[in-house]
């Protein structure tokens, strides 16, 4: 018997949060964090974090409840994590372009 965590047809808040947080923790060493370097490998954590955010959005309910409010907080957390991963991905390229001028 499989749980909702491993069944993609069922909504799972834990799966969405796990995907997003794992992608953030993977993107930190891939970007060589204190000294950000451009790497196309960061596209994978960016894609995984977007998939995790979509999974979290799937869990939202139509009527307001405490669960609905918690899902909205998780969506905000996911958006901050996605922006961090995209910052790690895009910032070195912007520095490289601005240094060329």
N, C-alpha and C. Protein backbone atom coordinates (compact mmCIF):
# COMPACT_ATOMS: atom_id res chain seq x y z
N UNK A 1 0.84 -1.18 0.00
CA UNK A 1 0.00 0.00 0.00
C UNK A 1 0.89 1.24 0.00
N UNK A 2 0.74 2.09 -1.00
CA UNK A 2 1.56 3.29 -1.09
C UNK A 2 0.88 4.45 -0.39
N UNK A 3 1.66 5.34 0.13
CA UNK A 3 1.12 6.51 0.79
C UNK A 3 0.92 7.62 -0.22
N UNK A 4 0.32 8.70 0.21
CA UNK A 4 0.09 9.84 -0.67
C UNK A 4 1.40 10.53 -1.05
N UNK A 5 2.43 10.30 -0.27
CA UNK A 5 3.71 10.93 -0.56
C UNK A 5 4.31 10.43 -1.86
N UNK A 6 4.09 9.16 -2.18
CA UNK A 6 4.68 8.58 -3.38
C UNK A 6 3.69 8.44 -4.53
N UNK A 7 2.43 8.78 -4.33
CA UNK A 7 1.42 8.67 -5.36
C UNK A 7 1.17 10.05 -5.98
N UNK A 8 1.62 10.29 -7.21
CA UNK A 8 1.47 11.64 -7.79
C UNK A 8 0.03 12.01 -8.11
N UNK A 9 -0.89 11.07 -8.10
CA UNK A 9 -2.28 11.39 -8.38
C UNK A 9 -2.99 12.00 -7.18
N UNK A 10 -2.45 11.80 -5.99
CA UNK A 10 -3.05 12.36 -4.78
C UNK A 10 -2.33 13.64 -4.38
N UNK A 11 -3.07 14.56 -3.79
CA UNK A 11 -2.47 15.80 -3.30
C UNK A 11 -1.64 15.51 -2.06
N UNK A 12 -0.44 16.08 -2.01
CA UNK A 12 0.41 15.87 -0.85
C UNK A 12 1.20 17.15 -0.56
N UNK A 13 0.89 17.77 0.55
CA UNK A 13 1.60 18.97 0.96
C UNK A 13 3.04 18.64 1.35
N UNK A 14 3.23 17.48 1.94
CA UNK A 14 4.58 17.07 2.35
C UNK A 14 5.48 16.85 1.13
N UNK A 15 4.94 16.30 0.06
CA UNK A 15 5.74 16.08 -1.16
C UNK A 15 6.17 17.41 -1.77
N UNK A 16 5.25 18.36 -1.82
CA UNK A 16 5.59 19.67 -2.38
C UNK A 16 6.66 20.38 -1.58
N UNK A 17 6.50 20.39 -0.25
CA UNK A 17 7.49 21.06 0.60
C UNK A 17 8.84 20.35 0.55
N UNK A 18 8.82 19.03 0.48
CA UNK A 18 10.07 18.28 0.41
C UNK A 18 10.82 18.56 -0.88
N UNK A 19 10.10 18.62 -1.98
CA UNK A 19 10.74 18.92 -3.27
C UNK A 19 11.37 20.30 -3.26
N UNK A 20 10.65 21.28 -2.73
CA UNK A 20 11.17 22.65 -2.74
C UNK A 20 12.38 22.78 -1.81
N UNK A 21 12.28 22.27 -0.61
CA UNK A 21 13.41 22.40 0.33
C UNK A 21 14.62 21.60 -0.13
N UNK A 22 14.40 20.43 -0.72
CA UNK A 22 15.53 19.65 -1.25
C UNK A 22 16.21 20.39 -2.39
N UNK A 23 15.43 21.05 -3.23
CA UNK A 23 16.05 21.79 -4.34
C UNK A 23 16.85 22.98 -3.84
N UNK A 24 16.40 23.62 -2.76
CA UNK A 24 17.17 24.73 -2.19
C UNK A 24 18.49 24.22 -1.61
N UNK A 25 18.43 23.12 -0.86
CA UNK A 25 19.65 22.59 -0.26
C UNK A 25 20.61 22.04 -1.29
N UNK A 26 20.12 21.56 -2.41
CA UNK A 26 20.99 21.08 -3.48
C UNK A 26 21.59 22.25 -4.26
N UNK A 27 20.84 23.34 -4.40
CA UNK A 27 21.33 24.47 -5.20
C UNK A 27 22.44 25.24 -4.50
N UNK A 28 22.52 25.17 -3.18
CA UNK A 28 23.57 25.92 -2.47
C UNK A 28 24.96 25.41 -2.83
N UNK A 29 25.25 24.10 -2.74
CA UNK A 29 26.60 23.68 -3.16
C UNK A 29 26.81 23.75 -4.68
N UNK A 30 25.75 23.61 -5.46
CA UNK A 30 25.92 23.70 -6.91
C UNK A 30 26.31 25.10 -7.36
N UNK A 31 25.90 26.11 -6.60
CA UNK A 31 26.22 27.49 -6.99
C UNK A 31 27.52 27.98 -6.38
N UNK A 32 28.18 27.15 -5.57
CA UNK A 32 29.41 27.54 -4.85
C UNK A 32 29.11 28.80 -4.04
N UNK A 33 28.19 28.70 -3.11
CA UNK A 33 27.45 29.81 -2.52
C UNK A 33 28.24 31.08 -2.19
N UNK A 34 29.26 31.10 -1.36
CA UNK A 34 29.82 32.43 -1.09
C UNK A 34 30.37 33.11 -2.34
N UNK A 35 30.89 32.32 -3.26
CA UNK A 35 31.43 32.85 -4.51
C UNK A 35 30.59 32.30 -5.65
N UNK A 36 29.51 32.98 -5.97
CA UNK A 36 28.55 32.48 -6.95
C UNK A 36 29.21 32.36 -8.32
N UNK A 37 29.07 31.19 -8.91
CA UNK A 37 29.61 30.92 -10.24
C UNK A 37 28.48 30.44 -11.14
N UNK A 38 28.52 30.80 -12.42
CA UNK A 38 27.46 30.36 -13.32
C UNK A 38 27.53 28.85 -13.54
N UNK A 39 26.38 28.21 -13.50
CA UNK A 39 26.30 26.77 -13.72
C UNK A 39 24.91 26.44 -14.26
N UNK A 40 24.88 25.74 -15.37
CA UNK A 40 23.61 25.33 -15.93
C UNK A 40 22.99 24.16 -15.17
N UNK A 41 23.76 23.54 -14.27
CA UNK A 41 23.21 22.48 -13.44
C UNK A 41 22.12 23.00 -12.49
N UNK A 42 22.11 24.31 -12.27
CA UNK A 42 21.09 24.89 -11.39
C UNK A 42 19.72 24.91 -12.04
N UNK A 43 19.64 24.58 -13.32
CA UNK A 43 18.33 24.49 -13.96
C UNK A 43 17.50 23.35 -13.38
N UNK A 44 18.17 22.25 -12.98
CA UNK A 44 17.44 21.13 -12.40
C UNK A 44 16.80 21.47 -11.06
N UNK A 45 17.52 22.06 -10.09
CA UNK A 45 16.84 22.46 -8.85
C UNK A 45 15.76 23.52 -9.07
N UNK A 46 15.97 24.40 -10.06
CA UNK A 46 14.94 25.40 -10.35
C UNK A 46 13.67 24.73 -10.85
N UNK A 47 13.82 23.76 -11.73
CA UNK A 47 12.66 23.04 -12.25
C UNK A 47 11.97 22.23 -11.15
N UNK A 48 12.76 21.58 -10.30
CA UNK A 48 12.18 20.79 -9.20
C UNK A 48 11.45 21.69 -8.21
N UNK A 49 11.99 22.86 -7.94
CA UNK A 49 11.31 23.76 -7.01
C UNK A 49 10.00 24.29 -7.60
N UNK A 50 9.96 24.52 -8.91
CA UNK A 50 8.71 24.93 -9.54
C UNK A 50 7.68 23.81 -9.52
N UNK A 51 8.11 22.58 -9.70
CA UNK A 51 7.20 21.44 -9.62
C UNK A 51 6.67 21.28 -8.20
N UNK A 52 7.53 21.47 -7.20
CA UNK A 52 7.11 21.40 -5.81
C UNK A 52 6.12 22.50 -5.45
N UNK A 53 6.31 23.69 -6.01
CA UNK A 53 5.37 24.78 -5.77
C UNK A 53 4.02 24.46 -6.39
N UNK A 54 4.03 23.90 -7.59
CA UNK A 54 2.77 23.50 -8.23
C UNK A 54 2.07 22.42 -7.41
N UNK A 55 2.83 21.52 -6.83
CA UNK A 55 2.24 20.48 -5.99
C UNK A 55 1.62 21.08 -4.73
N UNK A 56 2.25 22.10 -4.17
CA UNK A 56 1.68 22.77 -3.00
C UNK A 56 0.40 23.51 -3.36
N UNK A 57 0.38 24.14 -4.52
CA UNK A 57 -0.82 24.86 -4.96
C UNK A 57 -1.98 23.90 -5.18
N UNK A 58 -1.69 22.67 -5.59
CA UNK A 58 -2.75 21.67 -5.78
C UNK A 58 -3.48 21.35 -4.48
N UNK A 59 -2.84 21.58 -3.34
CA UNK A 59 -3.42 21.21 -2.04
C UNK A 59 -4.37 22.26 -1.49
N UNK A 60 -4.51 23.39 -2.15
CA UNK A 60 -5.36 24.45 -1.61
C UNK A 60 -6.83 24.06 -1.74
N UNK A 61 -7.63 24.48 -0.76
CA UNK A 61 -9.05 24.15 -0.75
C UNK A 61 -9.89 25.37 -1.12
N UNK A 62 -11.13 25.13 -1.51
CA UNK A 62 -12.00 26.24 -1.92
C UNK A 62 -12.48 27.06 -0.73
N UNK A 63 -12.83 26.42 0.36
CA UNK A 63 -13.32 27.14 1.53
C UNK A 63 -12.15 27.40 2.48
N UNK A 64 -12.23 28.54 3.18
CA UNK A 64 -11.16 28.88 4.10
C UNK A 64 -11.26 28.01 5.34
N UNK A 65 -10.09 27.54 5.79
CA UNK A 65 -9.95 26.81 7.05
C UNK A 65 -8.52 27.03 7.52
N UNK A 66 -8.18 26.47 8.66
CA UNK A 66 -6.80 26.60 9.12
C UNK A 66 -5.84 25.87 8.19
N UNK A 67 -6.28 24.77 7.61
CA UNK A 67 -5.45 24.05 6.64
C UNK A 67 -5.21 24.93 5.41
N UNK A 68 -6.25 25.63 4.95
CA UNK A 68 -6.13 26.53 3.81
C UNK A 68 -5.10 27.63 4.10
N UNK A 69 -5.16 28.19 5.31
CA UNK A 69 -4.20 29.22 5.70
C UNK A 69 -2.78 28.68 5.76
N UNK A 70 -2.62 27.45 6.24
CA UNK A 70 -1.29 26.84 6.30
C UNK A 70 -0.75 26.58 4.91
N UNK A 71 -1.62 26.19 3.98
CA UNK A 71 -1.18 25.97 2.60
C UNK A 71 -0.74 27.29 1.97
N UNK A 72 -1.43 28.37 2.26
CA UNK A 72 -1.03 29.68 1.73
C UNK A 72 0.34 30.07 2.28
N UNK A 73 0.59 29.83 3.57
CA UNK A 73 1.92 30.10 4.12
C UNK A 73 2.99 29.25 3.45
N UNK A 74 2.67 28.00 3.16
CA UNK A 74 3.62 27.13 2.47
C UNK A 74 3.88 27.62 1.04
N UNK A 75 2.86 28.16 0.40
CA UNK A 75 3.04 28.71 -0.96
C UNK A 75 3.98 29.91 -0.91
N UNK A 76 3.83 30.76 0.11
CA UNK A 76 4.74 31.90 0.26
C UNK A 76 6.17 31.42 0.50
N UNK A 77 6.33 30.37 1.31
CA UNK A 77 7.66 29.81 1.55
C UNK A 77 8.23 29.26 0.25
N UNK A 78 7.39 28.59 -0.54
CA UNK A 78 7.86 28.04 -1.81
C UNK A 78 8.28 29.15 -2.77
N UNK A 79 7.54 30.25 -2.80
CA UNK A 79 7.90 31.35 -3.69
C UNK A 79 9.24 31.98 -3.29
N UNK A 80 9.48 32.08 -1.99
CA UNK A 80 10.79 32.60 -1.55
C UNK A 80 11.91 31.64 -1.92
N UNK A 81 11.66 30.35 -1.79
CA UNK A 81 12.68 29.36 -2.14
C UNK A 81 12.94 29.35 -3.64
N UNK A 82 11.88 29.46 -4.44
CA UNK A 82 12.06 29.51 -5.90
C UNK A 82 12.85 30.75 -6.29
N UNK A 83 12.56 31.88 -5.67
CA UNK A 83 13.31 33.09 -6.00
C UNK A 83 14.77 32.98 -5.57
N UNK A 84 15.07 32.28 -4.49
CA UNK A 84 16.46 32.06 -4.08
C UNK A 84 17.20 31.19 -5.10
N UNK A 85 16.57 30.13 -5.54
CA UNK A 85 17.20 29.24 -6.53
C UNK A 85 17.39 29.99 -7.85
N UNK A 86 16.41 30.78 -8.26
CA UNK A 86 16.56 31.55 -9.50
C UNK A 86 17.62 32.64 -9.35
N UNK A 87 17.77 33.19 -8.15
CA UNK A 87 18.85 34.14 -7.90
C UNK A 87 20.20 33.46 -8.07
N UNK A 88 20.36 32.26 -7.49
CA UNK A 88 21.61 31.52 -7.66
C UNK A 88 21.87 31.22 -9.12
N UNK A 89 20.82 30.99 -9.90
CA UNK A 89 20.97 30.66 -11.31
C UNK A 89 21.30 31.88 -12.16
N UNK A 90 20.62 33.00 -11.94
CA UNK A 90 20.71 34.13 -12.86
C UNK A 90 21.71 35.21 -12.46
N UNK A 91 21.99 35.38 -11.19
CA UNK A 91 22.86 36.47 -10.75
C UNK A 91 24.27 36.41 -11.35
N UNK A 92 24.94 35.26 -11.40
CA UNK A 92 26.27 35.25 -12.01
C UNK A 92 26.26 35.65 -13.49
N UNK A 93 25.19 35.33 -14.20
CA UNK A 93 25.11 35.72 -15.61
C UNK A 93 24.93 37.22 -15.75
N UNK A 94 24.16 37.84 -14.86
CA UNK A 94 24.01 39.28 -14.90
C UNK A 94 25.33 39.98 -14.56
N UNK A 95 26.09 39.43 -13.62
CA UNK A 95 27.40 39.99 -13.32
C UNK A 95 28.33 39.86 -14.50
N UNK A 96 28.28 38.74 -15.19
CA UNK A 96 29.15 38.50 -16.35
C UNK A 96 28.80 39.46 -17.48
N UNK A 97 27.52 39.72 -17.68
CA UNK A 97 27.10 40.64 -18.74
C UNK A 97 27.49 42.05 -18.39
N UNK A 98 27.30 42.46 -17.14
CA UNK A 98 27.64 43.83 -16.75
C UNK A 98 29.15 44.06 -16.70
N UNK A 99 29.95 43.05 -16.46
CA UNK A 99 31.41 43.20 -16.44
C UNK A 99 31.96 43.35 -17.85
N UNK A 100 31.24 42.87 -18.84
CA UNK A 100 31.71 42.96 -20.23
C UNK A 100 31.57 44.35 -20.81
N UNK A 101 30.79 45.20 -20.18
CA UNK A 101 30.60 46.55 -20.70
C UNK A 101 31.56 47.53 -20.14
